[in-house]
Amino acid sequence: MEDNSSLYQLPYGELIRTVLVKPELTENDLKKVIKSKGIFLSKYNKDKIVPELMCTLLSPDEYKNILEFKKNKEEKEKYRTASIPWKGDTNLLKSIPQTIKLHQILEEMYTYKSGMELIGIPSFKKVDGRQDKVELDFEIKEHSEIKDIHNKERKFRGGIVYELKNDGHLHLSVTKTFSSKGTQKLVDTLNKQMENHFKETNSVNREDTFERILFSQFINEDRFLFFMKFLDNIDFLEFSKVENISVSPDSQEDLPDDAKEFLKDIENLNLKGNVLRRHVLLSKLEYRKCIHLHSMIVKYKFNHAQGSGNCSVEFAFPDFKLNETDNLEFQFYTMKISIDRNYRDSANRKKIERAIFESLNAHKIYHYNTLKI
């Protein structure tokens, strides 16, 4: 039975302020909560809303709604993909171990009590009845006594999909999905064990390994081009604008004279704006040799069978640090989806998000193969 006791330890005053000021909670989220309490303000910004909510008592349902708003933004699933040449059975279930001991894998990942619990007994299954595509999804409950009252126990999802693809050469593609550091580590550990199993059964060559999209597989100019390829119309996605970029000067290269002053002594520069595509850091070709572009948030309009709307997608080599770039792996995820009013009651958000992933992933793989070293 799920433990909801924390919902009844209702915070107020300074404790609720620490929850309300989180960047994941938007002014629109808080506006819905305060109006539901019959409180109407002249302006609905956080400076006005937060003090009002600090002085009120939240009901369990109101507090639960706030946590759901926060959870939905924090626990977005991130995607990473890789591939390896395949020579095994085209019925992938025959190539998968009969039993996947995911509970044991999770326990052996840590030498201490991790506070993570796997829910249920996950196993691989066919996708849409296909023999050449299988998936395993799981959910983990994470518990920590040192977290705030509203964060002590949380659930995170993760998964792994294997699919055979043939672009002239048969290869096995893997899509790793995770929503926390714990689920990411479990997915990576499972994939490594699966790779070893495929080698032991001669489904892949022992000298091969899954090819990931790494920071070090591009020269600076081509990494810029790789990111810029996402500033196009892609399938049913129409490019709208660049919302955010993160760059760092390359210490091994000389900066142009006009960039030396404003990039001097900077390790990481994060820029937000409405016309970033025309910013000199993106538009001037001479900058691309001497600057690392490692993160970008792009907004698209979409027109899908399930409905139309807008979405913001982050493309990134996360946890970027200068001089620690060799194993940085590319990932992307849909940060936000807004459905147009006419489709909000009928749209299937999951199908739209899956379609966004599939279109961007195919686009990513194509341009990676043309630009990698």
Protein backbone atom coordinates (compact mmCIF):
# COMPACT_ATOMS: atom_id res chain seq x y z
CA MET A 1 0.00 0.00 0.00
CA GLU A 2 1.33 3.44 -0.92
CA ASP A 3 2.34 5.63 2.02
CA ASN A 4 0.75 9.06 1.69
CA SER A 5 1.44 10.11 5.28
CA SER A 6 3.67 12.99 4.19
CA LEU A 7 0.64 14.66 2.58
CA TYR A 8 -0.86 15.07 6.04
CA GLN A 9 2.22 16.68 7.55
CA LEU A 10 1.17 19.89 5.90
CA PRO A 11 3.86 22.60 5.76
CA TYR A 12 3.11 26.28 6.24
CA GLY A 13 5.00 29.53 6.70
CA GLU A 14 8.72 29.34 5.90
CA LEU A 15 8.57 25.59 5.17
CA ILE A 16 5.97 25.96 2.42
CA ARG A 17 7.97 28.89 1.00
CA THR A 18 10.90 26.54 0.33
CA VAL A 19 8.54 24.46 -1.82
CA LEU A 20 6.76 27.31 -3.62
CA VAL A 21 9.93 29.13 -4.76
CA LYS A 22 11.26 26.09 -6.64
CA PRO A 23 11.82 27.02 -10.33
CA GLU A 24 9.81 23.95 -11.43
CA LEU A 25 6.65 25.63 -10.09
CA THR A 26 5.48 28.32 -12.49
CA GLU A 27 3.40 31.38 -11.67
CA ASN A 28 0.54 29.80 -13.61
CA ASP A 29 0.73 26.68 -11.39
CA LEU A 30 0.53 28.78 -8.23
CA LYS A 31 -2.20 30.98 -9.70
CA LYS A 32 -4.43 27.89 -10.04
CA VAL A 33 -3.85 26.97 -6.39
CA ILE A 34 -4.48 30.40 -4.88
CA LYS A 35 -7.60 31.04 -7.00
CA SER A 36 -8.98 27.65 -5.94
CA LYS A 37 -8.82 28.97 -2.35
CA GLY A 38 -10.95 31.98 -3.32
CA ILE A 39 -8.04 34.41 -3.10
CA PHE A 40 -7.80 36.88 -5.99
CA LEU A 41 -4.86 39.22 -6.53
CA SER A 42 -4.19 42.24 -8.70
CA LYS A 43 -1.08 40.53 -10.10
CA TYR A 44 -0.29 36.83 -10.15
CA ASN A 45 3.47 36.73 -9.85
CA LYS A 46 5.50 34.78 -7.29
CA ASP A 47 6.28 37.92 -5.27
CA LYS A 48 2.54 38.31 -4.67
CA ILE A 49 1.39 34.68 -4.53
CA VAL A 50 4.04 33.12 -2.27
CA PRO A 51 3.50 35.45 0.75
CA GLU A 52 -0.27 34.87 0.53
CA LEU A 53 0.09 31.08 0.49
CA MET A 54 2.60 31.24 3.36
CA CYS A 55 -0.15 32.78 5.50
CA THR A 56 -2.79 30.21 4.64
CA LEU A 57 -3.31 26.57 5.52
CA LEU A 58 -3.28 24.22 2.54
CA SER A 59 -5.64 21.28 2.37
CA PRO A 60 -4.14 17.84 1.64
CA ASP A 61 -5.52 18.03 -1.93
CA GLU A 62 -4.07 21.51 -2.51
CA TYR A 63 -0.65 20.41 -1.23
CA LYS A 64 -0.84 17.27 -3.35
CA ASN A 65 -1.60 19.40 -6.45
CA ILE A 66 1.47 21.56 -5.77
CA LEU A 67 3.66 18.46 -5.47
CA GLU A 68 2.20 17.07 -8.70
CA PHE A 69 2.95 20.31 -10.57
CA LYS A 70 6.54 20.11 -9.27
CA LYS A 71 6.89 16.37 -9.90
CA ASN A 72 5.69 16.58 -13.52
CA LYS A 73 8.43 19.07 -14.35
CA GLU A 74 11.25 17.43 -12.37
CA GLU A 75 10.77 13.84 -13.48
CA LYS A 76 10.80 14.25 -17.24
CA GLU A 77 12.29 11.25 -18.99
CA LYS A 78 15.67 11.78 -20.69
CA TYR A 79 16.78 9.76 -23.70
CA ARG A 80 20.16 8.42 -24.78
CA THR A 81 20.71 6.08 -27.70
CA ALA A 82 23.54 3.86 -28.96
CA SER A 83 24.03 1.05 -31.48
CA ILE A 84 26.18 -2.03 -32.10
CA PRO A 85 26.59 -4.32 -35.15
CA TRP A 86 24.33 -7.40 -34.84
CA LYS A 87 24.72 -10.94 -36.08
CA GLY A 88 22.29 -12.76 -33.77
CA ASP A 89 18.70 -13.96 -34.10
CA THR A 90 16.24 -11.43 -35.54
CA ASN A 91 13.74 -12.58 -32.90
CA LEU A 92 15.16 -10.50 -30.07
CA LEU A 93 13.28 -12.29 -27.30
CA LYS A 94 15.31 -15.40 -28.19
CA SER A 95 18.51 -13.39 -27.66
CA ILE A 96 17.43 -11.97 -24.27
CA PRO A 97 18.23 -13.94 -21.08
CA GLN A 98 15.16 -15.88 -19.90
CA THR A 99 15.25 -14.14 -16.53
CA ILE A 100 16.39 -10.58 -15.88
CA LYS A 101 17.43 -10.27 -12.22
CA LEU A 102 16.89 -6.52 -12.00
CA HIS A 103 16.43 -6.62 -8.21
CA GLN A 104 19.83 -8.27 -7.87
CA ILE A 105 21.46 -5.82 -10.29
CA LEU A 106 20.10 -2.91 -8.22
CA GLU A 107 21.36 -4.40 -4.94
CA GLU A 108 24.84 -5.09 -6.34
CA MET A 109 25.19 -1.57 -7.74
CA TYR A 110 25.82 -0.17 -4.25
CA THR A 111 28.02 -1.29 -1.36
CA TYR A 112 25.70 0.52 1.07
CA LYS A 113 21.95 0.71 1.56
CA SER A 114 20.84 2.94 -1.29
CA GLY A 115 17.26 3.60 -0.19
CA MET A 116 16.08 2.48 -3.64
CA GLU A 117 13.44 -0.19 -4.09
CA LEU A 118 12.41 -1.76 -7.41
CA ILE A 119 8.64 -2.04 -7.77
CA GLY A 120 7.30 -5.29 -9.25
CA ILE A 121 9.18 -7.79 -11.42
CA PRO A 122 10.00 -6.07 -14.75
CA SER A 123 10.70 -8.19 -17.84
CA PHE A 124 11.27 -7.72 -21.56
CA LYS A 125 8.29 -7.83 -23.90
CA LYS A 126 7.65 -7.27 -27.58
CA VAL A 127 6.75 -3.79 -28.79
CA ASP A 128 3.60 -3.76 -30.95
CA GLY A 129 3.98 -7.53 -31.45
CA ARG A 130 7.27 -7.07 -33.33
CA GLN A 131 10.02 -9.68 -33.07
CA ASP A 132 12.75 -7.14 -33.80
CA LYS A 133 11.85 -4.67 -31.03
CA VAL A 134 11.61 -5.34 -27.28
CA GLU A 135 11.38 -3.18 -24.19
CA LEU A 136 11.69 -3.33 -20.43
CA ASP A 137 10.15 -0.62 -18.24
CA PHE A 138 10.61 -0.27 -14.50
CA GLU A 139 9.76 2.00 -11.59
CA ILE A 140 11.94 2.70 -8.57
CA LYS A 141 10.93 4.07 -5.19
CA GLU A 142 13.68 6.20 -3.66
CA HIS A 143 13.65 7.03 0.07
CA SER A 144 15.94 9.47 1.86
CA GLU A 145 15.72 10.68 5.46
CA ILE A 146 17.84 13.75 4.73
CA LYS A 147 15.41 15.14 2.13
CA ASP A 148 12.72 17.73 2.87
CA ILE A 149 9.40 16.38 4.11
CA HIS A 150 7.87 16.54 0.62
CA ASN A 151 10.86 14.75 -0.97
CA LYS A 152 11.55 11.87 1.44
CA GLU A 153 9.94 9.26 -0.80
CA ARG A 154 9.63 9.58 -4.56
CA LYS A 155 9.10 7.33 -7.55
CA PHE A 156 11.09 7.45 -10.78
CA ARG A 157 10.66 5.59 -14.04
CA GLY A 158 13.23 4.18 -16.41
CA GLY A 159 13.45 1.73 -19.26
CA ILE A 160 15.40 0.25 -22.11
CA VAL A 161 14.36 -0.54 -25.70
CA TYR A 162 16.29 -2.74 -28.13
CA GLU A 163 15.46 -2.56 -31.82
CA LEU A 164 17.08 -4.09 -34.90
CA LYS A 165 17.72 -1.62 -37.71
CA ASN A 166 19.22 -2.08 -41.15
CA ASP A 167 20.83 0.84 -42.99
CA GLY A 168 22.88 -1.42 -45.21
CA HIS A 169 24.33 -3.15 -42.15
CA LEU A 170 22.21 -4.83 -39.48
CA HIS A 171 22.73 -3.27 -36.06
CA LEU A 172 21.06 -3.30 -32.65
CA SER A 173 19.88 0.10 -31.46
CA VAL A 174 19.30 0.76 -27.76
CA THR A 175 17.27 3.61 -26.30
CA LYS A 176 17.92 4.22 -22.61
CA THR A 177 15.28 6.19 -20.72
CA PHE A 178 15.71 7.55 -17.20
CA SER A 179 14.31 10.24 -14.93
CA SER A 180 16.84 10.32 -12.06
CA LYS A 181 20.49 9.56 -11.35
CA GLY A 182 19.43 6.24 -9.80
CA THR A 183 17.39 5.11 -12.80
CA GLN A 184 20.18 6.27 -15.14
CA LYS A 185 22.75 4.15 -13.30
CA LEU A 186 20.44 1.11 -13.32
CA VAL A 187 19.76 1.47 -17.06
CA ASP A 188 23.49 1.79 -17.84
CA THR A 189 24.34 -1.23 -15.65
CA LEU A 190 21.62 -3.35 -17.25
CA ASN A 191 22.74 -2.39 -20.75
CA LYS A 192 26.35 -3.32 -19.94
CA GLN A 193 25.25 -6.73 -18.67
CA MET A 194 23.11 -7.22 -21.77
CA GLU A 195 26.10 -6.34 -23.97
CA ASN A 196 28.19 -8.98 -22.18
CA HIS A 197 25.40 -11.53 -22.67
CA PHE A 198 25.16 -10.74 -26.40
CA LYS A 199 28.92 -11.29 -26.70
CA GLU A 200 28.80 -14.58 -24.80
CA THR A 201 26.06 -15.86 -27.13
CA ASN A 202 27.88 -14.58 -30.28
CA SER A 203 25.08 -12.18 -31.14
CA VAL A 204 27.68 -9.40 -31.39
CA ASN A 205 31.44 -9.54 -31.92
CA ARG A 206 33.55 -9.44 -28.76
CA GLU A 207 35.60 -6.52 -30.08
CA ASP A 208 32.50 -4.38 -30.70
CA THR A 209 30.78 -2.16 -28.16
CA PHE A 210 27.74 0.12 -28.16
CA GLU A 211 28.58 3.34 -29.98
CA ARG A 212 27.35 6.35 -28.00
CA ILE A 213 27.22 9.99 -29.03
CA LEU A 214 30.07 11.53 -27.04
CA PHE A 215 31.34 15.09 -26.78
CA SER A 216 34.79 13.97 -27.90
CA GLN A 217 33.46 12.56 -31.18
CA PHE A 218 33.18 16.06 -32.72
CA ILE A 219 35.59 18.86 -33.41
CA ASN A 220 34.27 22.18 -32.11
CA GLU A 221 32.94 23.42 -35.45
CA ASP A 222 31.08 20.18 -36.17
CA ARG A 223 29.60 20.04 -32.69
CA PHE A 224 28.17 23.52 -33.39
CA LEU A 225 26.76 22.23 -36.66
CA PHE A 226 25.27 19.20 -34.88
CA PHE A 227 23.38 21.45 -32.48
CA MET A 228 22.37 23.85 -35.25
CA LYS A 229 20.72 20.99 -37.16
CA PHE A 230 17.98 21.05 -34.50
CA LEU A 231 17.10 24.63 -35.51
CA ASP A 232 15.26 23.36 -38.59
CA ASN A 233 11.72 22.17 -39.21
CA ILE A 234 11.80 18.45 -38.34
CA ASP A 235 8.93 16.27 -39.50
CA PHE A 236 5.79 17.66 -37.77
CA LEU A 237 7.89 20.04 -35.64
CA GLU A 238 8.25 23.65 -36.80
CA PHE A 239 11.23 25.54 -35.38
CA SER A 240 10.16 28.54 -33.32
CA LYS A 241 13.18 29.91 -31.42
CA VAL A 242 16.28 29.17 -29.34
CA GLU A 243 15.44 29.82 -25.69
CA ASN A 244 18.76 29.06 -24.02
CA ILE A 245 22.37 28.16 -24.86
CA SER A 246 25.38 27.23 -22.71
CA VAL A 247 28.92 27.74 -24.00
CA SER A 248 32.47 27.59 -22.64
CA PRO A 249 35.70 28.95 -24.20
CA ASP A 250 38.07 26.23 -25.38
CA SER A 251 41.27 26.73 -23.39
CA GLN A 252 43.26 25.05 -26.17
CA GLU A 253 42.24 27.65 -28.78
CA ASP A 254 42.83 31.39 -29.14
CA LEU A 255 39.72 33.57 -28.95
CA PRO A 256 39.07 36.21 -31.62
CA ASP A 257 40.02 39.71 -30.45
CA ASP A 258 36.40 40.89 -30.25
CA ALA A 259 35.52 37.97 -27.93
CA LYS A 260 38.48 38.10 -25.56
CA GLU A 261 37.07 40.82 -23.33
CA PHE A 262 33.60 39.43 -22.61
CA LEU A 263 34.73 35.77 -22.42
CA LYS A 264 37.84 36.43 -20.33
CA ASP A 265 38.05 34.19 -17.23
CA ILE A 266 34.66 32.61 -17.99
CA GLU A 267 34.31 28.84 -17.69
CA ASN A 268 30.61 28.47 -18.44
CA LEU A 269 28.27 31.08 -19.93
CA ASN A 270 24.50 30.51 -19.96
CA LEU A 271 22.40 32.80 -22.14
CA LYS A 272 18.61 33.18 -22.27
CA GLY A 273 16.67 35.28 -24.75
CA ASN A 274 14.21 35.48 -27.63
CA VAL A 275 16.57 35.99 -30.60
CA LEU A 276 19.55 33.86 -29.60
CA ARG A 277 19.80 32.33 -33.06
CA ARG A 278 21.20 35.66 -34.26
CA HIS A 279 23.59 36.01 -31.29
CA VAL A 280 27.21 36.33 -32.36
CA LEU A 281 28.15 33.16 -30.47
CA LEU A 282 25.94 31.19 -32.85
CA SER A 283 26.07 33.27 -36.00
CA LYS A 284 29.80 34.11 -36.28
CA LEU A 285 31.66 31.20 -37.86
CA GLU A 286 35.05 32.28 -36.44
CA TYR A 287 33.77 31.63 -32.89
CA ARG A 288 32.98 27.98 -33.54
CA LYS A 289 36.57 26.80 -33.51
CA CYS A 290 37.37 28.21 -30.08
CA ILE A 291 34.10 27.76 -28.15
CA HIS A 292 32.39 24.65 -26.78
CA LEU A 293 28.62 24.69 -27.32
CA HIS A 294 27.30 22.05 -24.92
CA SER A 295 23.63 22.80 -24.23
CA MET A 296 20.68 24.30 -26.07
CA ILE A 297 16.94 24.63 -25.40
CA VAL A 298 14.79 24.89 -28.52
CA LYS A 299 11.10 25.73 -28.82
CA TYR A 300 8.99 24.17 -31.59
CA LYS A 301 5.42 24.42 -32.76
CA PHE A 302 3.91 21.05 -33.58
CA ASN A 303 0.96 19.84 -35.60
CA HIS A 304 0.36 16.16 -34.85
CA ALA A 305 -2.58 13.82 -35.45
CA GLN A 306 -3.23 13.98 -31.70
CA GLY A 307 -3.29 17.78 -31.66
CA SER A 308 -1.25 20.94 -32.08
CA GLY A 309 0.70 23.05 -29.64
CA ASN A 310 4.20 24.02 -28.53
CA CYS A 311 7.09 22.18 -26.90
CA SER A 312 10.51 23.03 -25.50
CA VAL A 313 13.31 20.48 -25.89
CA GLU A 314 16.71 20.49 -24.24
CA PHE A 315 19.66 19.07 -26.21
CA ALA A 316 22.77 18.72 -24.08
CA PHE A 317 26.00 17.10 -23.06
CA PRO A 318 24.99 17.32 -19.37
CA ASP A 319 27.28 17.94 -16.40
CA PHE A 320 29.78 19.73 -18.64
CA LYS A 321 33.14 20.58 -17.06
CA LEU A 322 36.22 21.88 -18.82
CA ASN A 323 38.95 19.24 -19.14
CA GLU A 324 36.44 16.48 -18.23
CA THR A 325 34.69 16.02 -21.55
CA ASP A 326 35.82 12.61 -22.85
CA ASN A 327 32.85 10.59 -21.58
CA LEU A 328 30.12 13.24 -21.80
CA GLU A 329 27.16 11.59 -23.54
CA PHE A 330 24.56 13.49 -25.55
CA GLN A 331 20.94 13.38 -24.40
CA PHE A 332 17.70 15.24 -25.06
CA TYR A 333 14.31 15.46 -23.43
CA THR A 334 11.04 17.32 -23.85
CA MET A 335 10.97 19.85 -21.03
CA LYS A 336 7.47 21.16 -21.63
CA ILE A 337 4.48 20.43 -23.87
CA SER A 338 1.60 22.90 -24.21
CA ILE A 339 -1.48 21.62 -26.02
CA ASP A 340 -3.64 24.14 -27.90
CA ARG A 341 -6.97 24.81 -26.21
CA ASN A 342 -9.05 23.06 -28.89
CA TYR A 343 -7.23 19.74 -28.30
CA ARG A 344 -6.71 19.70 -24.52
CA ASP A 345 -9.62 17.33 -23.82
CA SER A 346 -8.80 14.87 -26.60
CA ALA A 347 -5.01 14.93 -27.09
CA ASN A 348 -2.92 11.96 -25.97
CA ARG A 349 0.12 13.68 -24.45
CA LYS A 350 2.12 10.44 -24.23
CA LYS A 351 1.67 9.71 -27.94
CA ILE A 352 2.72 13.25 -28.83
CA GLU A 353 5.82 13.04 -26.65
CA ARG A 354 6.73 9.65 -28.12
CA ALA A 355 6.35 11.03 -31.66
CA ILE A 356 8.55 14.02 -30.76
CA PHE A 357 11.21 11.63 -29.47
CA GLU A 358 11.11 9.40 -32.56
CA SER A 359 11.37 12.34 -34.99
CA LEU A 360 14.21 14.05 -33.10
CA ASN A 361 16.04 10.78 -32.52
CA ALA A 362 16.05 9.86 -36.22
CA HIS A 363 17.20 13.42 -37.03
CA LYS A 364 19.94 13.16 -34.39
CA ILE A 365 21.31 9.83 -35.62
CA TYR A 366 21.42 10.95 -39.25
CA HIS A 367 23.40 14.13 -38.52
CA TYR A 368 25.65 12.44 -35.97
CA ASN A 369 26.72 9.94 -38.63
CA THR A 370 27.54 12.76 -41.08
CA LEU A 371 29.42 14.98 -38.60
CA LYS A 372 31.26 12.65 -36.17
CA ILE A 373 35.03 12.31 -36.38
